[in-house]
Amino acid sequence: MNVKDLVDQFGLTVAAGQNGLDRQIQGGYCGDLLSDVMGNAPIGCIWLTVQTHQNIVAVAVLREMAAIVLSGGQEPDQETVEKANDEGIPILLWPDTAYDLAGKVFQAGVVNA
């Protein structure tokens, strides 16, 4: 499944990185501690987090992520949006908890990581 399919299936809002919506999803990771995510998130994953600052984009580039999903109604600031657009990293918005979305994604068989 690619990021656009994920957006459509779960009603996510695209906040940035529209040019990266064709990225293939290879796994998933939930976490808010950047050092943990840098060390453990699988390549090609979607990353569910509440972090909104521009460093999330740098982590996503480092781990070659498919997309970042901001949960809990969080929204990125303008600097983060600009950096994500420059790097082609989609930032998606989810109004509920990361736990809720992770369960839905897993149950739907989107990713099994």
PDB file of N, CA and C in Angstrom:
ATOM      1  N   MET A   1       0.845  -1.172   0.000  1.00  0.00           N
ATOM      2  CA  MET A   1       0.000   0.000   0.000  1.00  0.00           C
ATOM      3  C   MET A   1       0.892   1.237   0.000  1.00  0.00           C
ATOM      4  N   ASN A   2       0.457   2.265  -0.710  1.00  0.00           N
ATOM      5  CA  ASN A   2       1.219   3.511  -0.664  1.00  0.00           C
ATOM      6  C   ASN A   2       0.551   4.506   0.278  1.00  0.00           C
ATOM      7  N   VAL A   3       1.206   5.635   0.500  1.00  0.00           N
ATOM      8  CA  VAL A   3       0.728   6.617   1.466  1.00  0.00           C
ATOM      9  C   VAL A   3      -0.625   7.180   1.050  1.00  0.00           C
ATOM     10  N   LYS A   4      -0.825   7.421  -0.235  1.00  0.00           N
ATOM     11  CA  LYS A   4      -2.114   7.944  -0.715  1.00  0.00           C
ATOM     12  C   LYS A   4      -3.236   6.987  -0.378  1.00  0.00           C
ATOM     13  N   ASP A   5      -3.016   5.689  -0.556  1.00  0.00           N
ATOM     14  CA  ASP A   5      -4.030   4.697  -0.203  1.00  0.00           C
ATOM     15  C   ASP A   5      -4.358   4.754   1.287  1.00  0.00           C
ATOM     16  N   LEU A   6      -3.332   4.930   2.120  1.00  0.00           N
ATOM     17  CA  LEU A   6      -3.528   5.043   3.567  1.00  0.00           C
ATOM     18  C   LEU A   6      -4.380   6.271   3.894  1.00  0.00           C
ATOM     19  N   VAL A   7      -4.058   7.393   3.271  1.00  0.00           N
ATOM     20  CA  VAL A   7      -4.819   8.634   3.468  1.00  0.00           C
ATOM     21  C   VAL A   7      -6.286   8.397   3.134  1.00  0.00           C
ATOM     22  N   ASP A   8      -6.530   7.790   1.986  1.00  0.00           N
ATOM     23  CA  ASP A   8      -7.899   7.562   1.535  1.00  0.00           C
ATOM     24  C   ASP A   8      -8.641   6.577   2.441  1.00  0.00           C
ATOM     25  N   GLN A   9      -7.990   5.496   2.828  1.00  0.00           N
ATOM     26  CA  GLN A   9      -8.644   4.454   3.616  1.00  0.00           C
ATOM     27  C   GLN A   9      -9.003   4.920   5.024  1.00  0.00           C
ATOM     28  N   PHE A  10      -8.159   5.761   5.624  1.00  0.00           N
ATOM     29  CA  PHE A  10      -8.378   6.139   7.015  1.00  0.00           C
ATOM     30  C   PHE A  10      -8.772   7.602   7.205  1.00  0.00           C
ATOM     31  N   GLY A  11      -8.981   8.319   6.108  1.00  0.00           N
ATOM     32  CA  GLY A  11      -9.445   9.700   6.202  1.00  0.00           C
ATOM     33  C   GLY A  11      -8.442  10.643   6.841  1.00  0.00           C
ATOM     34  N   LEU A  12      -7.157  10.399   6.589  1.00  0.00           N
ATOM     35  CA  LEU A  12      -6.118  11.265   7.124  1.00  0.00           C
ATOM     36  C   LEU A  12      -6.059  12.572   6.330  1.00  0.00           C
ATOM     37  N   THR A  13      -5.579  13.618   6.967  1.00  0.00           N
ATOM     38  CA  THR A  13      -5.396  14.910   6.310  1.00  0.00           C
ATOM     39  C   THR A  13      -3.931  15.071   5.953  1.00  0.00           C
ATOM     40  N   VAL A  14      -3.659  15.485   4.729  1.00  0.00           N
ATOM     41  CA  VAL A  14      -2.277  15.725   4.295  1.00  0.00           C
ATOM     42  C   VAL A  14      -1.915  17.166   4.630  1.00  0.00           C
ATOM     43  N   ALA A  15      -0.940  17.338   5.536  1.00  0.00           N
ATOM     44  CA  ALA A  15      -0.505  18.670   5.952  1.00  0.00           C
ATOM     45  C   ALA A  15       0.729  19.140   5.189  1.00  0.00           C
ATOM     46  N   ALA A  16       1.498  18.200   4.638  1.00  0.00           N
ATOM     47  CA  ALA A  16       2.736  18.546   3.926  1.00  0.00           C
ATOM     48  C   ALA A  16       3.199  17.336   3.127  1.00  0.00           C
ATOM     49  N   GLY A  17       4.124  17.588   2.209  1.00  0.00           N
ATOM     50  CA  GLY A  17       4.773  16.508   1.481  1.00  0.00           C
ATOM     51  C   GLY A  17       3.902  15.793   0.463  1.00  0.00           C
ATOM     52  N   GLN A  18       3.003  16.518  -0.174  1.00  0.00           N
ATOM     53  CA  GLN A  18       2.113  15.908  -1.162  1.00  0.00           C
ATOM     54  C   GLN A  18       2.861  15.178  -2.266  1.00  0.00           C
ATOM     55  N   ASN A  19       4.077  15.589  -2.567  1.00  0.00           N
ATOM     56  CA  ASN A  19       4.864  14.937  -3.622  1.00  0.00           C
ATOM     57  C   ASN A  19       5.336  13.546  -3.229  1.00  0.00           C
ATOM     58  N   GLY A  20       5.211  13.175  -1.955  1.00  0.00           N
ATOM     59  CA  GLY A  20       5.660  11.862  -1.506  1.00  0.00           C
ATOM     60  C   GLY A  20       4.542  10.864  -1.277  1.00  0.00           C
ATOM     61  N   LEU A  21       3.338  11.180  -1.725  1.00  0.00           N
ATOM     62  CA  LEU A  21       2.200  10.304  -1.445  1.00  0.00           C
ATOM     63  C   LEU A  21       2.263   8.953  -2.156  1.00  0.00           C
ATOM     64  N   ASP A  22       3.168   8.818  -3.112  1.00  0.00           N
ATOM     65  CA  ASP A  22       3.305   7.538  -3.808  1.00  0.00           C
ATOM     66  C   ASP A  22       4.284   6.595  -3.104  1.00  0.00           C
ATOM     67  N   ARG A  23       4.883   7.026  -2.004  1.00  0.00           N
ATOM     68  CA  ARG A  23       5.828   6.171  -1.263  1.00  0.00           C
ATOM     69  C   ARG A  23       5.128   4.912  -0.767  1.00  0.00           C
ATOM     70  N   GLN A  24       5.826   3.801  -0.878  1.00  0.00           N
ATOM     71  CA  GLN A  24       5.288   2.519  -0.417  1.00  0.00           C
ATOM     72  C   GLN A  24       5.516   2.355   1.085  1.00  0.00           C
ATOM     73  N   ILE A  25       4.510   1.853   1.778  1.00  0.00           N
ATOM     74  CA  ILE A  25       4.587   1.631   3.217  1.00  0.00           C
ATOM     75  C   ILE A  25       5.134   0.232   3.469  1.00  0.00           C
ATOM     76  N   GLN A  26       6.207   0.146   4.255  1.00  0.00           N
ATOM     77  CA  GLN A  26       6.874  -1.122   4.511  1.00  0.00           C
ATOM     78  C   GLN A  26       6.780  -1.570   5.965  1.00  0.00           C
ATOM     79  N   GLY A  27       6.175  -0.744   6.803  1.00  0.00           N
ATOM     80  CA  GLY A  27       6.068  -1.067   8.215  1.00  0.00           C
ATOM     81  C   GLY A  27       5.487   0.106   8.964  1.00  0.00           C
ATOM     82  N   GLY A  28       5.516   0.004  10.268  1.00  0.00           N
ATOM     83  CA  GLY A  28       4.988   1.072  11.099  1.00  0.00           C
ATOM     84  C   GLY A  28       5.782   1.190  12.383  1.00  0.00           C
ATOM     85  N   TYR A  29       5.736   2.383  12.991  1.00  0.00           N
ATOM     86  CA  TYR A  29       6.422   2.604  14.255  1.00  0.00           C
ATOM     87  C   TYR A  29       5.699   3.702  15.018  1.00  0.00           C
ATOM     88  N   CYS A  30       5.518   3.490  16.313  1.00  0.00           N
ATOM     89  CA  CYS A  30       4.938   4.495  17.202  1.00  0.00           C
ATOM     90  C   CYS A  30       5.989   4.899  18.212  1.00  0.00           C
ATOM     91  N   GLY A  31       6.205   6.193  18.365  1.00  0.00           N
ATOM     92  CA  GLY A  31       7.169   6.643  19.359  1.00  0.00           C
ATOM     93  C   GLY A  31       7.370   8.136  19.297  1.00  0.00           C
ATOM     94  N   ASP A  32       7.735   8.689  20.452  1.00  0.00           N
ATOM     95  CA  ASP A  32       7.934  10.130  20.547  1.00  0.00           C
ATOM     96  C   ASP A  32       9.347  10.517  20.961  1.00  0.00           C
ATOM     97  N   LEU A  33      10.163   9.556  21.332  1.00  0.00           N
ATOM     98  CA  LEU A  33      11.543   9.819  21.709  1.00  0.00           C
ATOM     99  C   LEU A  33      12.404   9.695  20.452  1.00  0.00           C
ATOM    100  N   LEU A  34      12.915  10.815  19.966  1.00  0.00           N
ATOM    101  CA  LEU A  34      13.589  10.826  18.665  1.00  0.00           C
ATOM    102  C   LEU A  34      14.751   9.848  18.596  1.00  0.00           C
ATOM    103  N   SER A  35      15.531   9.725  19.648  1.00  0.00           N
ATOM    104  CA  SER A  35      16.669   8.804  19.618  1.00  0.00           C
ATOM    105  C   SER A  35      16.196   7.359  19.471  1.00  0.00           C
ATOM    106  N   ASP A  36      15.084   7.015  20.088  1.00  0.00           N
ATOM    107  CA  ASP A  36      14.517   5.667  19.945  1.00  0.00           C
ATOM    108  C   ASP A  36      14.059   5.431  18.509  1.00  0.00           C
ATOM    109  N   VAL A  37      13.377   6.407  17.953  1.00  0.00           N
ATOM    110  CA  VAL A  37      12.879   6.283  16.583  1.00  0.00           C
ATOM    111  C   VAL A  37      14.047   6.160  15.604  1.00  0.00           C
ATOM    112  N   MET A  38      15.092   6.978  15.786  1.00  0.00           N
ATOM    113  CA  MET A  38      16.264   6.914  14.907  1.00  0.00           C
ATOM    114  C   MET A  38      16.921   5.538  14.957  1.00  0.00           C
ATOM    115  N   GLY A  39      16.922   4.924  16.109  1.00  0.00           N
ATOM    116  CA  GLY A  39      17.592   3.638  16.260  1.00  0.00           C
ATOM    117  C   GLY A  39      16.746   2.433  15.929  1.00  0.00           C
ATOM    118  N   ASN A  40      15.422   2.580  15.924  1.00  0.00           N
ATOM    119  CA  ASN A  40      14.573   1.391  15.831  1.00  0.00           C
ATOM    120  C   ASN A  40      13.486   1.402  14.771  1.00  0.00           C
ATOM    121  N   ALA A  41      13.124   2.541  14.243  1.00  0.00           N
ATOM    122  CA  ALA A  41      12.062   2.575  13.236  1.00  0.00           C
ATOM    123  C   ALA A  41      12.539   1.893  11.955  1.00  0.00           C
ATOM    124  N   PRO A  42      11.711   1.024  11.386  1.00  0.00           N
ATOM    125  CA  PRO A  42      12.127   0.348  10.156  1.00  0.00           C
ATOM    126  C   PRO A  42      12.126   1.284   8.944  1.00  0.00           C
ATOM    127  N   ILE A  43      13.013   1.033   8.028  1.00  0.00           N
ATOM    128  CA  ILE A  43      13.067   1.774   6.765  1.00  0.00           C
ATOM    129  C   ILE A  43      11.713   1.623   6.069  1.00  0.00           C
ATOM    130  N   GLY A  44      11.212   2.727   5.521  1.00  0.00           N
ATOM    131  CA  GLY A  44       9.967   2.687   4.763  1.00  0.00           C
ATOM    132  C   GLY A  44       8.703   2.658   5.601  1.00  0.00           C
ATOM    133  N   CYS A  45       8.826   2.948   6.883  1.00  0.00           N
ATOM    134  CA  CYS A  45       7.653   2.860   7.760  1.00  0.00           C
ATOM    135  C   CYS A  45       6.826   4.140   7.741  1.00  0.00           C
ATOM    136  N   ILE A  46       5.624   4.031   8.297  1.00  0.00           N
ATOM    137  CA  ILE A  46       4.879   5.210   8.707  1.00  0.00           C
ATOM    138  C   ILE A  46       5.167   5.367  10.193  1.00  0.00           C
ATOM    139  N   TRP A  47       5.377   6.592  10.615  1.00  0.00           N
ATOM    140  CA  TRP A  47       5.747   6.889  11.995  1.00  0.00           C
ATOM    141  C   TRP A  47       4.626   7.680  12.645  1.00  0.00           C
ATOM    142  N   LEU A  48       4.041   7.131  13.692  1.00  0.00           N
ATOM    143  CA  LEU A  48       2.997   7.799  14.449  1.00  0.00           C
ATOM    144  C   LEU A  48       3.619   8.474  15.663  1.00  0.00           C
ATOM    145  N   THR A  49       3.387   9.783  15.801  1.00  0.00           N
ATOM    146  CA  THR A  49       4.012  10.557  16.864  1.00  0.00           C
ATOM    147  C   THR A  49       3.151  11.760  17.225  1.00  0.00           C
ATOM    148  N   VAL A  50       3.451  12.371  18.358  1.00  0.00           N
ATOM    149  CA  VAL A  50       2.833  13.647  18.724  1.00  0.00           C
ATOM    150  C   VAL A  50       3.821  14.798  18.558  1.00  0.00           C
ATOM    151  N   GLN A  51       5.054  14.491  18.207  1.00  0.00           N
ATOM    152  CA  GLN A  51       6.067  15.525  17.993  1.00  0.00           C
ATOM    153  C   GLN A  51       5.710  16.328  16.733  1.00  0.00           C
ATOM    154  N   THR A  52       5.927  17.634  16.781  1.00  0.00           N
ATOM    155  CA  THR A  52       5.543  18.468  15.635  1.00  0.00           C
ATOM    156  C   THR A  52       6.665  19.365  15.105  1.00  0.00           C
ATOM    157  N   HIS A  53       7.803  19.412  15.778  1.00  0.00           N
ATOM    158  CA  HIS A  53       8.884  20.319  15.378  1.00  0.00           C
ATOM    159  C   HIS A  53       9.624  19.767  14.159  1.00  0.00           C
ATOM    160  N   GLN A  54      10.446  20.602  13.547  1.00  0.00           N
ATOM    161  CA  GLN A  54      11.074  20.229  12.279  1.00  0.00           C
ATOM    162  C   GLN A  54      12.066  19.076  12.379  1.00  0.00           C
ATOM    163  N   ASN A  55      12.531  18.744  13.570  1.00  0.00           N
ATOM    164  CA  ASN A  55      13.451  17.608  13.701  1.00  0.00           C
ATOM    165  C   ASN A  55      12.813  16.277  13.312  1.00  0.00           C
ATOM    166  N   ILE A  56      11.483  16.206  13.345  1.00  0.00           N
ATOM    167  CA  ILE A  56      10.830  14.952  12.931  1.00  0.00           C
ATOM    168  C   ILE A  56      11.096  14.663  11.462  1.00  0.00           C
ATOM    169  N   VAL A  57      11.204  15.708  10.664  1.00  0.00           N
ATOM    170  CA  VAL A  57      11.470  15.521   9.234  1.00  0.00           C
ATOM    171  C   VAL A  57      12.885  14.973   9.037  1.00  0.00           C
ATOM    172  N   ALA A  58      13.831  15.484   9.780  1.00  0.00           N
ATOM    173  CA  ALA A  58      15.200  14.983   9.685  1.00  0.00           C
ATOM    174  C   ALA A  58      15.269  13.505  10.050  1.00  0.00           C
ATOM    175  N   VAL A  59      14.551  13.110  11.084  1.00  0.00           N
ATOM    176  CA  VAL A  59      14.514  11.694  11.478  1.00  0.00           C
ATOM    177  C   VAL A  59      13.869  10.862  10.371  1.00  0.00           C
ATOM    178  N   ALA A  60      12.789  11.362   9.799  1.00  0.00           N
ATOM    179  CA  ALA A  60      12.105  10.634   8.720  1.00  0.00           C
ATOM    180  C   ALA A  60      13.009  10.449   7.504  1.00  0.00           C
ATOM    181  N   VAL A  61      13.787  11.469   7.180  1.00  0.00           N
ATOM    182  CA  VAL A  61      14.726  11.366   6.056  1.00  0.00           C
ATOM    183  C   VAL A  61      15.807  10.339   6.385  1.00  0.00           C
ATOM    184  N   LEU A  62      16.347  10.414   7.593  1.00  0.00           N
ATOM    185  CA  LEU A  62      17.387   9.476   8.026  1.00  0.00           C
ATOM    186  C   LEU A  62      16.926   8.029   7.916  1.00  0.00           C
ATOM    187  N   ARG A  63      15.692   7.757   8.305  1.00  0.00           N
ATOM    188  CA  ARG A  63      15.148   6.389   8.304  1.00  0.00           C
ATOM    189  C   ARG A  63      14.394   6.068   7.020  1.00  0.00           C
ATOM    190  N   GLU A  64      14.441   6.971   6.037  1.00  0.00           N
ATOM    191  CA  GLU A  64      13.783   6.764   4.744  1.00  0.00           C
ATOM    192  C   GLU A  64      12.317   6.357   4.930  1.00  0.00           C
ATOM    193  N   MET A  65      11.609   7.096   5.775  1.00  0.00           N
ATOM    194  CA  MET A  65      10.220   6.777   6.100  1.00  0.00           C
ATOM    195  C   MET A  65       9.279   7.091   4.958  1.00  0.00           C
ATOM    196  N   ALA A  66       8.167   6.373   4.946  1.00  0.00           N
ATOM    197  CA  ALA A  66       7.128   6.636   3.959  1.00  0.00           C
ATOM    198  C   ALA A  66       6.347   7.897   4.326  1.00  0.00           C
ATOM    199  N   ALA A  67       6.087   8.089   5.629  1.00  0.00           N
ATOM    200  CA  ALA A  67       5.317   9.252   6.071  1.00  0.00           C
ATOM    201  C   ALA A  67       5.392   9.390   7.583  1.00  0.00           C
ATOM    202  N   ILE A  68       5.076  10.580   8.038  1.00  0.00           N
ATOM    203  CA  ILE A  68       4.919  10.873   9.463  1.00  0.00           C
ATOM    204  C   ILE A  68       3.437  11.124   9.694  1.00  0.00           C
ATOM    205  N   VAL A  69       2.886  10.506  10.728  1.00  0.00           N
ATOM    206  CA  VAL A  69       1.493  10.742  11.093  1.00  0.00           C
ATOM    207  C   VAL A  69       1.473  11.408  12.462  1.00  0.00           C
ATOM    208  N   LEU A  70       0.956  12.623  12.508  1.00  0.00           N
ATOM    209  CA  LEU A  70       0.810  13.330  13.775  1.00  0.00           C
ATOM    210  C   LEU A  70      -0.546  12.960  14.358  1.00  0.00           C
ATOM    211  N   SER A  71      -0.525  12.401  15.554  1.00  0.00           N
ATOM    212  CA  SER A  71      -1.764  11.943  16.182  1.00  0.00           C
ATOM    213  C   SER A  71      -2.221  12.908  17.267  1.00  0.00           C
ATOM    214  N   GLY A  72      -3.403  12.653  17.790  1.00  0.00           N
ATOM    215  CA  GLY A  72      -3.928  13.440  18.894  1.00  0.00           C
ATOM    216  C   GLY A  72      -4.305  14.857  18.530  1.00  0.00           C
ATOM    217  N   GLY A  73      -4.561  15.109  17.251  1.00  0.00           N
ATOM    218  CA  GLY A  73      -4.940  16.445  16.820  1.00  0.00           C
ATOM    219  C   GLY A  73      -3.784  17.422  16.710  1.00  0.00           C
ATOM    220  N   GLN A  74      -2.551  16.929  16.813  1.00  0.00           N
ATOM    221  CA  GLN A  74      -1.370  17.791  16.687  1.00  0.00           C
ATOM    222  C   GLN A  74      -1.225  18.281  15.250  1.00  0.00           C
ATOM    223  N   GLU A  75      -0.646  19.464  15.097  1.00  0.00           N
ATOM    224  CA  GLU A  75      -0.397  20.023  13.772  1.00  0.00           C
ATOM    225  C   GLU A  75       1.021  20.571  13.706  1.00  0.00           C
ATOM    226  N   PRO A  76       1.667  20.443  12.558  1.00  0.00           N
ATOM    227  CA  PRO A  76       3.049  20.938  12.434  1.00  0.00           C
ATOM    228  C   PRO A  76       3.083  22.457  12.309  1.00  0.00           C
ATOM    229  N   ASP A  77       4.201  23.045  12.752  1.00  0.00           N
ATOM    230  CA  ASP A  77       4.372  24.478  12.543  1.00  0.00           C
ATOM    231  C   ASP A  77       4.835  24.713  11.104  1.00  0.00           C
ATOM    232  N   GLN A  78       4.882  25.975  10.707  1.00  0.00           N
ATOM    233  CA  GLN A  78       5.207  26.317   9.320  1.00  0.00           C
ATOM    234  C   GLN A  78       6.602  25.849   8.908  1.00  0.00           C
ATOM    235  N   GLU A  79       7.578  25.949   9.803  1.00  0.00           N
ATOM    236  CA  GLU A  79       8.936  25.494   9.480  1.00  0.00           C
ATOM    237  C   GLU A  79       8.950  23.994   9.180  1.00  0.00           C
ATOM    238  N   THR A  80       8.189  23.243   9.942  1.00  0.00           N
ATOM    239  CA  THR A  80       8.123  21.791   9.740  1.00  0.00           C
ATOM    240  C   THR A  80       7.467  21.471   8.404  1.00  0.00           C
ATOM    241  N   VAL A  81       6.402  22.173   8.081  1.00  0.00           N
ATOM    242  CA  VAL A  81       5.722  21.980   6.795  1.00  0.00           C
ATOM    243  C   VAL A  81       6.681  22.270   5.646  1.00  0.00           C
ATOM    244  N   GLU A  82       7.392  23.369   5.737  1.00  0.00           N
ATOM    245  CA  GLU A  82       8.330  23.736   4.671  1.00  0.00           C
ATOM    246  C   GLU A  82       9.433  22.698   4.515  1.00  0.00           C
ATOM    247  N   LYS A  83       9.975  22.235   5.618  1.00  0.00           N
ATOM    248  CA  LYS A  83      11.040  21.222   5.557  1.00  0.00           C
ATOM    249  C   LYS A  83      10.503  19.920   4.961  1.00  0.00           C
ATOM    250  N   ALA A  84       9.307  19.516   5.365  1.00  0.00           N
ATOM    251  CA  ALA A  84       8.704  18.289   4.830  1.00  0.00           C
ATOM    252  C   ALA A  84       8.450  18.425   3.330  1.00  0.00           C
ATOM    253  N   ASN A  85       7.978  19.572   2.913  1.00  0.00           N
ATOM    254  CA  ASN A  85       7.757  19.798   1.477  1.00  0.00           C
ATOM    255  C   ASN A  85       9.073  19.735   0.715  1.00  0.00           C
ATOM    256  N   ASP A  86      10.117  20.343   1.261  1.00  0.00           N
ATOM    257  CA  ASP A  86      11.434  20.323   0.611  1.00  0.00           C
ATOM    258  C   ASP A  86      11.967  18.895   0.478  1.00  0.00           C
ATOM    259  N   GLU A  87      11.733  18.075   1.480  1.00  0.00           N
ATOM    260  CA  GLU A  87      12.263  16.706   1.499  1.00  0.00           C
ATOM    261  C   GLU A  87      11.311  15.692   0.867  1.00  0.00           C
ATOM    262  N   GLY A  88      10.073  16.085   0.574  1.00  0.00           N
ATOM    263  CA  GLY A  88       9.094  15.163   0.005  1.00  0.00           C
ATOM    264  C   GLY A  88       8.592  14.120   0.994  1.00  0.00           C
ATOM    265  N   ILE A  89       8.598  14.484   2.275  1.00  0.00           N
ATOM    266  CA  ILE A  89       8.111  13.581   3.325  1.00  0.00           C
ATOM    267  C   ILE A  89       6.678  13.973   3.675  1.00  0.00           C
ATOM    268  N   PRO A  90       5.710  13.110   3.419  1.00  0.00           N
ATOM    269  CA  PRO A  90       4.337  13.431   3.795  1.00  0.00           C
ATOM    270  C   PRO A  90       4.174  13.524   5.311  1.00  0.00           C
ATOM    271  N   ILE A  91       3.478  14.562   5.745  1.00  0.00           N
ATOM    272  CA  ILE A  91       3.027  14.662   7.126  1.00  0.00           C
ATOM    273  C   ILE A  91       1.515  14.583   7.087  1.00  0.00           C
ATOM    274  N   LEU A  92       0.994  13.596   7.792  1.00  0.00           N
ATOM    275  CA  LEU A  92      -0.441  13.324   7.815  1.00  0.00           C
ATOM    276  C   LEU A  92      -0.979  13.621   9.200  1.00  0.00           C
ATOM    277  N   LEU A  93      -2.246  14.014   9.273  1.00  0.00           N
ATOM    278  CA  LEU A  93      -2.862  14.356  10.544  1.00  0.00           C
ATOM    279  C   LEU A  93      -3.967  13.366  10.886  1.00  0.00           C
ATOM    280  N   TRP A  94      -3.980  12.961  12.159  1.00  0.00           N
ATOM    281  CA  TRP A  94      -4.976  12.028  12.692  1.00  0.00           C
ATOM    282  C   TRP A  94      -5.507  12.637  13.987  1.00  0.00           C
ATOM    283  N   PRO A  95      -6.824  12.795  14.129  1.00  0.00           N
ATOM    284  CA  PRO A  95      -7.361  13.502  15.291  1.00  0.00           C
ATOM    285  C   PRO A  95      -7.365  12.705  16.593  1.00  0.00           C
ATOM    286  N   ASP A  96      -7.314  11.395  16.518  1.00  0.00           N
ATOM    287  CA  ASP A  96      -7.397  10.556  17.708  1.00  0.00           C
ATOM    288  C   ASP A  96      -6.010  10.068  18.130  1.00  0.00           C
ATOM    289  N   THR A  97      -5.958   9.097  19.008  1.00  0.00           N
ATOM    290  CA  THR A  97      -4.688   8.617  19.550  1.00  0.00           C
ATOM    291  C   THR A  97      -3.913   7.769  18.541  1.00  0.00           C
ATOM    292  N   ALA A  98      -2.597   7.726  18.733  1.00  0.00           N
ATOM    293  CA  ALA A  98      -1.754   6.854  17.916  1.00  0.00           C
ATOM    294  C   ALA A  98      -2.164   5.395  18.119  1.00  0.00           C
ATOM    295  N   TYR A  99      -2.512   5.046  19.336  1.00  0.00           N
ATOM    296  CA  TYR A  99      -2.958   3.688  19.654  1.00  0.00           C
ATOM    297  C   TYR A  99      -4.154   3.299  18.786  1.00  0.00           C
ATOM    298  N   ASP A 100      -5.110   4.199  18.673  1.00  0.00           N
ATOM    299  CA  ASP A 100      -6.310   3.948  17.882  1.00  0.00           C
ATOM    300  C   ASP A 100      -5.965   3.704  16.409  1.00  0.00           C
ATOM    301  N   LEU A 101      -5.159   4.589  15.833  1.00  0.00           N
ATOM    302  CA  LEU A 101      -4.805   4.433  14.417  1.00  0.00           C
ATOM    303  C   LEU A 101      -3.931   3.206  14.196  1.00  0.00           C
ATOM    304  N   ALA A 102      -2.966   2.974  15.075  1.00  0.00           N
ATOM    305  CA  ALA A 102      -2.099   1.804  14.916  1.00  0.00           C
ATOM    306  C   ALA A 102      -2.928   0.519  14.908  1.00  0.00           C
ATOM    307  N   GLY A 103      -3.904   0.442  15.786  1.00  0.00           N
ATOM    308  CA  GLY A 103      -4.771  -0.737  15.820  1.00  0.00           C
ATOM    309  C   GLY A 103      -5.564  -0.899  14.543  1.00  0.00           C
ATOM    310  N   LYS A 104      -6.110   0.196  14.033  1.00  0.00           N
ATOM    311  CA  LYS A 104      -6.885   0.145  12.789  1.00  0.00           C
ATOM    312  C   LYS A 104      -6.008  -0.271  11.608  1.00  0.00           C
ATOM    313  N   VAL A 105      -4.819   0.311  11.535  1.00  0.00           N
ATOM    314  CA  VAL A 105      -3.897  -0.009  10.440  1.00  0.00           C
ATOM    315  C   VAL A 105      -3.475  -1.476  10.498  1.00  0.00           C
ATOM    316  N   PHE A 106      -3.150  -1.941  11.702  1.00  0.00           N
ATOM    317  CA  PHE A 106      -2.741  -3.328  11.867  1.00  0.00           C
ATOM    318  C   PHE A 106      -3.895  -4.280  11.529  1.00  0.00           C
ATOM    319  N   GLN A 107      -5.076  -3.971  12.050  1.00  0.00           N
ATOM    320  CA  GLN A 107      -6.243  -4.824  11.812  1.00  0.00           C
ATOM    321  C   GLN A 107      -6.589  -4.894  10.326  1.00  0.00           C
ATOM    322  N   ALA A 108      -6.398  -3.812   9.619  1.00  0.00           N
ATOM    323  CA  ALA A 108      -6.688  -3.795   8.187  1.00  0.00           C
ATOM    324  C   ALA A 108      -5.627  -4.510   7.367  1.00  0.00           C
ATOM    325  N   GLY A 109      -4.521  -4.898   8.017  1.00  0.00           N
ATOM    326  CA  GLY A 109      -3.468  -5.607   7.305  1.00  0.00           C
ATOM    327  C   GLY A 109      -2.619  -4.716   6.435  1.00  0.00           C
ATOM    328  N   VAL A 110      -2.639  -3.407   6.708  1.00  0.00           N
ATOM    329  CA  VAL A 110      -1.861  -2.462   5.902  1.00  0.00           C
ATOM    330  C   VAL A 110      -0.379  -2.764   6.054  1.00  0.00           C
ATOM    331  N   VAL A 111       0.065  -2.912   7.293  1.00  0.00           N
ATOM    332  CA  VAL A 111       1.443  -3.270   7.573  1.00  0.00           C
ATOM    333  C   VAL A 111       1.439  -4.271   8.711  1.00  0.00           C
ATOM    334  N   ASN A 112       2.428  -5.109   8.731  1.00  0.00           N
ATOM    335  CA  ASN A 112       2.520  -6.123   9.770  1.00  0.00           C
ATOM    336  C   ASN A 112       3.815  -6.004  10.543  1.00  0.00           C
ATOM    337  N   ALA A 113       4.268  -4.763  10.753  1.00  0.00           N
ATOM    338  CA  ALA A 113       5.511  -4.544  11.495  1.00  0.00           C
ATOM    339  C   ALA A 113       5.250  -3.749  12.736  1.00  0.00           C
TER     340      ALA A 113
END
